[in-house]
mmCIF file of all heavy atoms, coordinates in Angstrom:
data_MODEL
# 
_entry.id   MODEL 
# 
loop_
_atom_site.group_PDB 
_atom_site.id 
_atom_site.type_symbol 
_atom_site.label_atom_id 
_atom_site.label_alt_id 
_atom_site.label_comp_id 
_atom_site.label_asym_id 
_atom_site.label_entity_id 
_atom_site.label_seq_id 
_atom_site.pdbx_PDB_ins_code 
_atom_site.Cartn_x 
_atom_site.Cartn_y 
_atom_site.Cartn_z 
_atom_site.occupancy 
_atom_site.B_iso_or_equiv 
_atom_site.pdbx_formal_charge 
_atom_site.auth_seq_id 
_atom_site.auth_comp_id 
_atom_site.auth_asym_id 
_atom_site.auth_atom_id 
_atom_site.pdbx_PDB_model_num 
ATOM 1   N N   . ALA A 1 1  ? 0.887  -1.265  0.010   1.00 0.00 ? 1  ALA A N   1 
ATOM 2   C CA  . ALA A 1 1  ? 0.154  0.025   0.063   1.00 0.00 ? 1  ALA A CA  1 
ATOM 3   C C   . ALA A 1 1  ? 0.821  1.270   0.020   1.00 0.00 ? 1  ALA A C   1 
ATOM 4   O O   . ALA A 1 1  ? 1.808  1.314   0.772   1.00 0.00 ? 1  ALA A O   1 
ATOM 5   C CB  . ALA A 1 1  ? -0.902 -0.007  1.270   1.00 0.00 ? 1  ALA A CB  1 
ATOM 6   N N   . GLY A 1 2  ? 0.653  2.166   -0.905  1.00 0.00 ? 2  GLY A N   1 
ATOM 7   C CA  . GLY A 1 2  ? 1.146  3.436   -1.018  1.00 0.00 ? 2  GLY A CA  1 
ATOM 8   C C   . GLY A 1 2  ? 2.115  3.453   -2.081  1.00 0.00 ? 2  GLY A C   1 
ATOM 9   O O   . GLY A 1 2  ? 2.823  2.401   -2.493  1.00 0.00 ? 2  GLY A O   1 
ATOM 10  N N   . ARG A 1 3  ? 2.465  4.658   -2.484  1.00 0.00 ? 3  ARG A N   1 
ATOM 11  C CA  . ARG A 1 3  ? 3.432  4.826   -3.713  1.00 0.00 ? 3  ARG A CA  1 
ATOM 12  C C   . ARG A 1 3  ? 4.769  4.332   -3.432  1.00 0.00 ? 3  ARG A C   1 
ATOM 13  O O   . ARG A 1 3  ? 5.354  3.654   -4.270  1.00 0.00 ? 3  ARG A O   1 
ATOM 14  C CB  . ARG A 1 3  ? 3.343  6.240   -4.173  1.00 0.00 ? 3  ARG A CB  1 
ATOM 15  C CG  . ARG A 1 3  ? 4.235  6.612   -5.349  1.00 0.00 ? 3  ARG A CG  1 
ATOM 16  C CD  . ARG A 1 3  ? 4.134  8.110   -5.822  1.00 0.00 ? 3  ARG A CD  1 
ATOM 17  N NE  . ARG A 1 3  ? 2.759  8.399   -6.336  1.00 0.00 ? 3  ARG A NE  1 
ATOM 18  C CZ  . ARG A 1 3  ? 2.105  9.486   -6.100  1.00 0.00 ? 3  ARG A CZ  1 
ATOM 19  N NH1 . ARG A 1 3  ? 2.654  10.517  -5.421  1.00 0.00 ? 3  ARG A NH1 1 
ATOM 20  N NH2 . ARG A 1 3  ? 0.875  9.677   -6.632  1.00 0.00 ? 3  ARG A NH2 1 
ATOM 21  N N   . ASP A 1 4  ? 5.470  4.670   -2.340  1.00 0.00 ? 4  ASP A N   1 
ATOM 22  C CA  . ASP A 1 4  ? 6.704  4.189   -2.020  1.00 0.00 ? 4  ASP A CA  1 
ATOM 23  C C   . ASP A 1 4  ? 6.733  2.705   -1.948  1.00 0.00 ? 4  ASP A C   1 
ATOM 24  O O   . ASP A 1 4  ? 7.722  2.055   -2.339  1.00 0.00 ? 4  ASP A O   1 
ATOM 25  C CB  . ASP A 1 4  ? 7.212  4.830   -0.727  1.00 0.00 ? 4  ASP A CB  1 
ATOM 26  C CG  . ASP A 1 4  ? 7.391  6.375   -0.749  1.00 0.00 ? 4  ASP A CG  1 
ATOM 27  O OD1 . ASP A 1 4  ? 7.634  6.853   -1.962  1.00 0.00 ? 4  ASP A OD1 1 
ATOM 28  O OD2 . ASP A 1 4  ? 7.538  7.044   0.170   1.00 0.00 ? 4  ASP A OD2 1 
ATOM 29  N N   . SER A 1 5  ? 5.804  2.146   -1.267  1.00 0.00 ? 5  SER A N   1 
ATOM 30  C CA  . SER A 1 5  ? 5.649  0.668   -1.165  1.00 0.00 ? 5  SER A CA  1 
ATOM 31  C C   . SER A 1 5  ? 5.590  -0.051  -2.478  1.00 0.00 ? 5  SER A C   1 
ATOM 32  O O   . SER A 1 5  ? 6.219  -1.028  -2.694  1.00 0.00 ? 5  SER A O   1 
ATOM 33  C CB  . SER A 1 5  ? 4.508  0.217   -0.257  1.00 0.00 ? 5  SER A CB  1 
ATOM 34  O OG  . SER A 1 5  ? 4.482  -1.130  0.049   1.00 0.00 ? 5  SER A OG  1 
ATOM 35  N N   . LEU A 1 6  ? 4.799  0.364   -3.371  1.00 0.00 ? 6  LEU A N   1 
ATOM 36  C CA  . LEU A 1 6  ? 4.771  0.056   -4.709  1.00 0.00 ? 6  LEU A CA  1 
ATOM 37  C C   . LEU A 1 6  ? 5.991  0.015   -5.450  1.00 0.00 ? 6  LEU A C   1 
ATOM 38  O O   . LEU A 1 6  ? 6.396  -1.011  -5.999  1.00 0.00 ? 6  LEU A O   1 
ATOM 39  C CB  . LEU A 1 6  ? 3.696  0.852   -5.547  1.00 0.00 ? 6  LEU A CB  1 
ATOM 40  C CG  . LEU A 1 6  ? 3.606  0.579   -7.076  1.00 0.00 ? 6  LEU A CG  1 
ATOM 41  C CD1 . LEU A 1 6  ? 2.299  -0.030  -7.449  1.00 0.00 ? 6  LEU A CD1 1 
ATOM 42  C CD2 . LEU A 1 6  ? 3.935  1.848   -7.812  1.00 0.00 ? 6  LEU A CD2 1 
ATOM 43  N N   . VAL A 1 7  ? 6.672  1.048   -5.510  1.00 0.00 ? 7  VAL A N   1 
ATOM 44  C CA  . VAL A 1 7  ? 8.096  1.290   -6.127  1.00 0.00 ? 7  VAL A CA  1 
ATOM 45  C C   . VAL A 1 7  ? 8.991  0.249   -5.394  1.00 0.00 ? 7  VAL A C   1 
ATOM 46  O O   . VAL A 1 7  ? 9.725  -0.524  -6.249  1.00 0.00 ? 7  VAL A O   1 
ATOM 47  C CB  . VAL A 1 7  ? 8.550  2.607   -5.995  1.00 0.00 ? 7  VAL A CB  1 
ATOM 48  C CG1 . VAL A 1 7  ? 10.096 2.752   -6.448  1.00 0.00 ? 7  VAL A CG1 1 
ATOM 49  C CG2 . VAL A 1 7  ? 7.655  3.570   -6.833  1.00 0.00 ? 7  VAL A CG2 1 
ATOM 50  N N   . ALA A 1 8  ? 9.087  0.195   -4.150  1.00 0.00 ? 8  ALA A N   1 
ATOM 51  C CA  . ALA A 1 8  ? 10.034 -0.734  -3.574  1.00 0.00 ? 8  ALA A CA  1 
ATOM 52  C C   . ALA A 1 8  ? 9.702  -2.274  -3.937  1.00 0.00 ? 8  ALA A C   1 
ATOM 53  O O   . ALA A 1 8  ? 10.645 -3.030  -4.211  1.00 0.00 ? 8  ALA A O   1 
ATOM 54  C CB  . ALA A 1 8  ? 9.864  -0.698  -2.028  1.00 0.00 ? 8  ALA A CB  1 
ATOM 55  N N   . ARG A 1 9  ? 8.363  -2.635  -4.005  1.00 0.00 ? 9  ARG A N   1 
ATOM 56  C CA  . ARG A 1 9  ? 7.954  -3.926  -4.450  1.00 0.00 ? 9  ARG A CA  1 
ATOM 57  C C   . ARG A 1 9  ? 8.366  -4.180  -5.946  1.00 0.00 ? 9  ARG A C   1 
ATOM 58  O O   . ARG A 1 9  ? 8.975  -5.374  -6.188  1.00 0.00 ? 9  ARG A O   1 
ATOM 59  C CB  . ARG A 1 9  ? 6.563  -4.142  -4.135  1.00 0.00 ? 9  ARG A CB  1 
ATOM 60  C CG  . ARG A 1 9  ? 6.143  -5.507  -4.629  1.00 0.00 ? 9  ARG A CG  1 
ATOM 61  C CD  . ARG A 1 9  ? 6.833  -6.650  -3.938  1.00 0.00 ? 9  ARG A CD  1 
ATOM 62  N NE  . ARG A 1 9  ? 6.238  -7.975  -4.250  1.00 0.00 ? 9  ARG A NE  1 
ATOM 63  C CZ  . ARG A 1 9  ? 6.891  -9.073  -4.185  1.00 0.00 ? 9  ARG A CZ  1 
ATOM 64  N NH1 . ARG A 1 9  ? 8.212  -9.113  -3.538  1.00 0.00 ? 9  ARG A NH1 1 
ATOM 65  N NH2 . ARG A 1 9  ? 6.394  -10.255 -4.431  1.00 0.00 ? 9  ARG A NH2 1 
ATOM 66  N N   . LEU A 1 10 ? 8.196  -3.213  -6.779  1.00 0.00 ? 10 LEU A N   1 
ATOM 67  C CA  . LEU A 1 10 ? 8.475  -3.433  -8.080  1.00 0.00 ? 10 LEU A CA  1 
ATOM 68  C C   . LEU A 1 10 ? 9.942  -3.542  -8.299  1.00 0.00 ? 10 LEU A C   1 
ATOM 69  O O   . LEU A 1 10 ? 10.502 -4.442  -9.147  1.00 0.00 ? 10 LEU A O   1 
ATOM 70  C CB  . LEU A 1 10 ? 7.897  -2.296  -8.916  1.00 0.00 ? 10 LEU A CB  1 
ATOM 71  C CG  . LEU A 1 10 ? 6.365  -2.311  -9.048  1.00 0.00 ? 10 LEU A CG  1 
ATOM 72  C CD1 . LEU A 1 10 ? 5.999  -0.921  -9.831  1.00 0.00 ? 10 LEU A CD1 1 
ATOM 73  C CD2 . LEU A 1 10 ? 5.764  -3.431  -9.686  1.00 0.00 ? 10 LEU A CD2 1 
ATOM 74  N N   . GLU A 1 11 ? 10.696 -2.702  -7.706  1.00 0.00 ? 11 GLU A N   1 
ATOM 75  C CA  . GLU A 1 11 ? 12.123 -2.837  -7.800  1.00 0.00 ? 11 GLU A CA  1 
ATOM 76  C C   . GLU A 1 11 ? 12.710 -4.222  -7.234  1.00 0.00 ? 11 GLU A C   1 
ATOM 77  O O   . GLU A 1 11 ? 13.604 -4.763  -7.751  1.00 0.00 ? 11 GLU A O   1 
ATOM 78  C CB  . GLU A 1 11 ? 12.909 -1.749  -6.955  1.00 0.00 ? 11 GLU A CB  1 
ATOM 79  C CG  . GLU A 1 11 ? 12.622 -0.355  -7.735  1.00 0.00 ? 11 GLU A CG  1 
ATOM 80  C CD  . GLU A 1 11 ? 13.230 0.800   -7.121  1.00 0.00 ? 11 GLU A CD  1 
ATOM 81  O OE1 . GLU A 1 11 ? 13.458 0.737   -5.750  1.00 0.00 ? 11 GLU A OE1 1 
ATOM 82  O OE2 . GLU A 1 11 ? 13.494 1.685   -7.896  1.00 0.00 ? 11 GLU A OE2 1 
ATOM 83  N N   . GLU A 1 12 ? 12.070 -4.666  -5.973  1.00 0.00 ? 12 GLU A N   1 
ATOM 84  C CA  . GLU A 1 12 ? 12.472 -5.991  -5.571  1.00 0.00 ? 12 GLU A CA  1 
ATOM 85  C C   . GLU A 1 12 ? 12.105 -7.064  -6.589  1.00 0.00 ? 12 GLU A C   1 
ATOM 86  O O   . GLU A 1 12 ? 12.963 -8.097  -6.740  1.00 0.00 ? 12 GLU A O   1 
ATOM 87  C CB  . GLU A 1 12 ? 11.534 -6.296  -4.302  1.00 0.00 ? 12 GLU A CB  1 
ATOM 88  C CG  . GLU A 1 12 ? 11.846 -7.603  -3.676  1.00 0.00 ? 12 GLU A CG  1 
ATOM 89  C CD  . GLU A 1 12 ? 10.970 -7.867  -2.473  1.00 0.00 ? 12 GLU A CD  1 
ATOM 90  O OE1 . GLU A 1 12 ? 10.043 -7.052  -2.076  1.00 0.00 ? 12 GLU A OE1 1 
ATOM 91  O OE2 . GLU A 1 12 ? 11.312 -8.840  -1.743  1.00 0.00 ? 12 GLU A OE2 1 
ATOM 92  N N   . VAL A 1 13 ? 10.998 -7.091  -7.262  1.00 0.00 ? 13 VAL A N   1 
ATOM 93  C CA  . VAL A 1 13 ? 10.666 -8.094  -8.260  1.00 0.00 ? 13 VAL A CA  1 
ATOM 94  C C   . VAL A 1 13 ? 11.743 -8.071  -9.397  1.00 0.00 ? 13 VAL A C   1 
ATOM 95  O O   . VAL A 1 13 ? 12.192 -9.099  -9.762  1.00 0.00 ? 13 VAL A O   1 
ATOM 96  C CB  . VAL A 1 13 ? 9.314  -7.943  -8.773  1.00 0.00 ? 13 VAL A CB  1 
ATOM 97  C CG1 . VAL A 1 13 ? 9.054  -8.789  -9.954  1.00 0.00 ? 13 VAL A CG1 1 
ATOM 98  C CG2 . VAL A 1 13 ? 8.229  -8.209  -7.639  1.00 0.00 ? 13 VAL A CG2 1 
ATOM 99  N N   . VAL A 1 14 ? 12.064 -6.973  -9.784  1.00 0.00 ? 14 VAL A N   1 
ATOM 100 C CA  . VAL A 1 14 ? 13.078 -6.768  -10.875 1.00 0.00 ? 14 VAL A CA  1 
ATOM 101 C C   . VAL A 1 14 ? 14.381 -7.414  -10.503 1.00 0.00 ? 14 VAL A C   1 
ATOM 102 O O   . VAL A 1 14 ? 15.004 -8.121  -11.246 1.00 0.00 ? 14 VAL A O   1 
ATOM 103 C CB  . VAL A 1 14 ? 13.302 -5.365  -11.343 1.00 0.00 ? 14 VAL A CB  1 
ATOM 104 C CG1 . VAL A 1 14 ? 14.611 -5.279  -12.218 1.00 0.00 ? 14 VAL A CG1 1 
ATOM 105 C CG2 . VAL A 1 14 ? 11.903 -4.888  -12.107 1.00 0.00 ? 14 VAL A CG2 1 
ATOM 106 N N   . ALA A 1 15 ? 14.885 -7.033  -9.240  1.00 0.00 ? 15 ALA A N   1 
ATOM 107 C CA  . ALA A 1 15 ? 16.110 -7.474  -8.677  1.00 0.00 ? 15 ALA A CA  1 
ATOM 108 C C   . ALA A 1 15 ? 16.110 -8.958  -8.547  1.00 0.00 ? 15 ALA A C   1 
ATOM 109 O O   . ALA A 1 15 ? 17.197 -9.631  -8.830  1.00 0.00 ? 15 ALA A O   1 
ATOM 110 C CB  . ALA A 1 15 ? 16.540 -6.712  -7.501  1.00 0.00 ? 15 ALA A CB  1 
ATOM 111 N N   . THR A 1 16 ? 15.065 -9.598  -8.005  1.00 0.00 ? 16 THR A N   1 
ATOM 112 C CA  . THR A 1 16 ? 14.863 -11.000 -7.826  1.00 0.00 ? 16 THR A CA  1 
ATOM 113 C C   . THR A 1 16 ? 14.855 -11.756 -9.016  1.00 0.00 ? 16 THR A C   1 
ATOM 114 O O   . THR A 1 16 ? 15.558 -12.865 -9.070  1.00 0.00 ? 16 THR A O   1 
ATOM 115 C CB  . THR A 1 16 ? 13.648 -11.351 -7.004  1.00 0.00 ? 16 THR A CB  1 
ATOM 116 O OG1 . THR A 1 16 ? 13.709 -10.505 -5.749  1.00 0.00 ? 16 THR A OG1 1 
ATOM 117 C CG2 . THR A 1 16 ? 13.603 -12.692 -6.694  1.00 0.00 ? 16 THR A CG2 1 
ATOM 118 N N   . THR A 1 17 ? 14.095 -11.358 -10.018 1.00 0.00 ? 17 THR A N   1 
ATOM 119 C CA  . THR A 1 17 ? 13.982 -12.092 -11.213 1.00 0.00 ? 17 THR A CA  1 
ATOM 120 C C   . THR A 1 17 ? 14.971 -11.687 -12.420 1.00 0.00 ? 17 THR A C   1 
ATOM 121 O O   . THR A 1 17 ? 15.122 -12.596 -13.240 1.00 0.00 ? 17 THR A O   1 
ATOM 122 C CB  . THR A 1 17 ? 12.484 -11.931 -11.707 1.00 0.00 ? 17 THR A CB  1 
ATOM 123 O OG1 . THR A 1 17 ? 12.358 -10.666 -12.197 1.00 0.00 ? 17 THR A OG1 1 
ATOM 124 C CG2 . THR A 1 17 ? 11.505 -12.485 -10.768 1.00 0.00 ? 17 THR A CG2 1 
ATOM 125 N N   . GLY A 1 18 ? 15.312 -10.611 -12.453 1.00 0.00 ? 18 GLY A N   1 
ATOM 126 C CA  . GLY A 1 18 ? 16.219 -10.056 -13.629 1.00 0.00 ? 18 GLY A CA  1 
ATOM 127 C C   . GLY A 1 18 ? 15.273 -9.620  -14.676 1.00 0.00 ? 18 GLY A C   1 
ATOM 128 O O   . GLY A 1 18 ? 15.848 -9.173  -15.625 1.00 0.00 ? 18 GLY A O   1 
ATOM 129 N N   . GLY A 1 19 ? 14.020 -9.558  -14.637 1.00 0.00 ? 19 GLY A N   1 
ATOM 130 C CA  . GLY A 1 19 ? 13.086 -9.129  -15.750 1.00 0.00 ? 19 GLY A CA  1 
ATOM 131 C C   . GLY A 1 19 ? 13.063 -7.586  -15.665 1.00 0.00 ? 19 GLY A C   1 
ATOM 132 O O   . GLY A 1 19 ? 12.689 -6.994  -14.761 1.00 0.00 ? 19 GLY A O   1 
ATOM 133 N N   . ARG A 1 20 ? 13.553 -7.018  -16.836 1.00 0.00 ? 20 ARG A N   1 
ATOM 134 C CA  . ARG A 1 20 ? 13.527 -5.585  -16.916 1.00 0.00 ? 20 ARG A CA  1 
ATOM 135 C C   . ARG A 1 20 ? 12.633 -5.088  -18.018 1.00 0.00 ? 20 ARG A C   1 
ATOM 136 O O   . ARG A 1 20 ? 12.570 -3.813  -18.218 1.00 0.00 ? 20 ARG A O   1 
ATOM 137 C CB  . ARG A 1 20 ? 14.948 -5.220  -17.205 1.00 0.00 ? 20 ARG A CB  1 
ATOM 138 C CG  . ARG A 1 20 ? 15.916 -5.589  -16.148 1.00 0.00 ? 20 ARG A CG  1 
ATOM 139 C CD  . ARG A 1 20 ? 17.151 -4.858  -16.231 1.00 0.00 ? 20 ARG A CD  1 
ATOM 140 N NE  . ARG A 1 20 ? 18.241 -5.140  -15.247 1.00 0.00 ? 20 ARG A NE  1 
ATOM 141 C CZ  . ARG A 1 20 ? 18.075 -5.576  -14.021 1.00 0.00 ? 20 ARG A CZ  1 
ATOM 142 N NH1 . ARG A 1 20 ? 16.892 -5.780  -13.451 1.00 0.00 ? 20 ARG A NH1 1 
ATOM 143 N NH2 . ARG A 1 20 ? 19.076 -5.879  -13.264 1.00 0.00 ? 20 ARG A NH2 1 
ATOM 144 N N   . TRP A 1 21 ? 11.834 -5.911  -18.755 1.00 0.00 ? 21 TRP A N   1 
ATOM 145 C CA  . TRP A 1 21 ? 11.062 -5.426  -19.833 1.00 0.00 ? 21 TRP A CA  1 
ATOM 146 C C   . TRP A 1 21 ? 9.763  -6.193  -19.845 1.00 0.00 ? 21 TRP A C   1 
ATOM 147 O O   . TRP A 1 21 ? 9.843  -7.439  -19.742 1.00 0.00 ? 21 TRP A O   1 
ATOM 148 C CB  . TRP A 1 21 ? 11.726 -5.515  -21.140 1.00 0.00 ? 21 TRP A CB  1 
ATOM 149 C CG  . TRP A 1 21 ? 10.810 -4.991  -22.201 1.00 0.00 ? 21 TRP A CG  1 
ATOM 150 C CD1 . TRP A 1 21 ? 10.156 -5.747  -23.084 1.00 0.00 ? 21 TRP A CD1 1 
ATOM 151 C CD2 . TRP A 1 21 ? 10.894 -3.688  -22.715 1.00 0.00 ? 21 TRP A CD2 1 
ATOM 152 N NE1 . TRP A 1 21 ? 9.441  -4.788  -24.017 1.00 0.00 ? 21 TRP A NE1 1 
ATOM 153 C CE2 . TRP A 1 21 ? 9.958  -3.521  -23.815 1.00 0.00 ? 21 TRP A CE2 1 
ATOM 154 C CE3 . TRP A 1 21 ? 11.475 -2.451  -22.323 1.00 0.00 ? 21 TRP A CE3 1 
ATOM 155 C CZ2 . TRP A 1 21 ? 9.709  -2.354  -24.384 1.00 0.00 ? 21 TRP A CZ2 1 
ATOM 156 C CZ3 . TRP A 1 21 ? 11.230 -1.282  -22.880 1.00 0.00 ? 21 TRP A CZ3 1 
ATOM 157 C CH2 . TRP A 1 21 ? 10.255 -1.247  -23.970 1.00 0.00 ? 21 TRP A CH2 1 
ATOM 158 N N   . ALA A 1 22 ? 8.555  -5.482  -20.112 1.00 0.00 ? 22 ALA A N   1 
ATOM 159 C CA  . ALA A 1 22 ? 7.257  -6.191  -20.281 1.00 0.00 ? 22 ALA A CA  1 
ATOM 160 C C   . ALA A 1 22 ? 6.775  -5.703  -21.586 1.00 0.00 ? 22 ALA A C   1 
ATOM 161 O O   . ALA A 1 22 ? 6.423  -4.557  -21.763 1.00 0.00 ? 22 ALA A O   1 
ATOM 162 C CB  . ALA A 1 22 ? 6.421  -5.966  -19.101 1.00 0.00 ? 22 ALA A CB  1 
ATOM 163 N N   . ASP A 1 23 ? 6.509  -6.750  -22.603 1.00 0.00 ? 23 ASP A N   1 
ATOM 164 C CA  . ASP A 1 23 ? 5.797  -6.259  -23.771 1.00 0.00 ? 23 ASP A CA  1 
ATOM 165 C C   . ASP A 1 23 ? 4.363  -6.123  -23.300 1.00 0.00 ? 23 ASP A C   1 
ATOM 166 O O   . ASP A 1 23 ? 3.800  -7.033  -22.628 1.00 0.00 ? 23 ASP A O   1 
ATOM 167 C CB  . ASP A 1 23 ? 5.919  -7.513  -24.673 1.00 0.00 ? 23 ASP A CB  1 
ATOM 168 C CG  . ASP A 1 23 ? 7.170  -7.686  -25.293 1.00 0.00 ? 23 ASP A CG  1 
ATOM 169 O OD1 . ASP A 1 23 ? 7.973  -6.644  -25.400 1.00 0.00 ? 23 ASP A OD1 1 
ATOM 170 O OD2 . ASP A 1 23 ? 7.519  -8.840  -25.726 1.00 0.00 ? 23 ASP A OD2 1 
ATOM 171 N N   . VAL A 1 24 ? 3.736  -5.041  -23.644 1.00 0.00 ? 24 VAL A N   1 
ATOM 172 C CA  . VAL A 1 24 ? 2.349  -4.863  -23.437 1.00 0.00 ? 24 VAL A CA  1 
ATOM 173 C C   . VAL A 1 24 ? 1.681  -5.390  -24.402 1.00 0.00 ? 24 VAL A C   1 
ATOM 174 O O   . VAL A 1 24 ? 1.476  -4.878  -25.616 1.00 0.00 ? 24 VAL A O   1 
ATOM 175 C CB  . VAL A 1 24 ? 2.031  -3.344  -23.173 1.00 0.00 ? 24 VAL A CB  1 
ATOM 176 C CG1 . VAL A 1 24 ? 0.529  -3.147  -22.879 1.00 0.00 ? 24 VAL A CG1 1 
ATOM 177 C CG2 . VAL A 1 24 ? 2.874  -2.771  -21.965 1.00 0.00 ? 24 VAL A CG2 1 
ATOM 178 N N   . ASP A 1 25 ? 1.101  -6.623  -24.324 1.00 0.00 ? 25 ASP A N   1 
ATOM 179 C CA  . ASP A 1 25 ? 0.367  -7.314  -25.312 1.00 0.00 ? 25 ASP A CA  1 
ATOM 180 C C   . ASP A 1 25 ? -0.973 -6.873  -25.668 1.00 0.00 ? 25 ASP A C   1 
ATOM 181 O O   . ASP A 1 25 ? -1.476 -6.941  -26.851 1.00 0.00 ? 25 ASP A O   1 
ATOM 182 C CB  . ASP A 1 25 ? 0.423  -8.898  -25.180 1.00 0.00 ? 25 ASP A CB  1 
ATOM 183 C CG  . ASP A 1 25 ? 1.823  -9.444  -25.004 1.00 0.00 ? 25 ASP A CG  1 
ATOM 184 O OD1 . ASP A 1 25 ? 2.610  -8.982  -25.716 1.00 0.00 ? 25 ASP A OD1 1 
ATOM 185 O OD2 . ASP A 1 25 ? 2.038  -10.308 -24.074 1.00 0.00 ? 25 ASP A OD2 1 
# 
C-alpha cells in the first residue's frame, strides 16, 4: 500500500527475477 511501497516492491521483483522489460500485449 502506498506509492513508496509500490516502487519498492516493483524494484524488488526486478532485482529478484532479472526481468527488466514487459511487452504490453
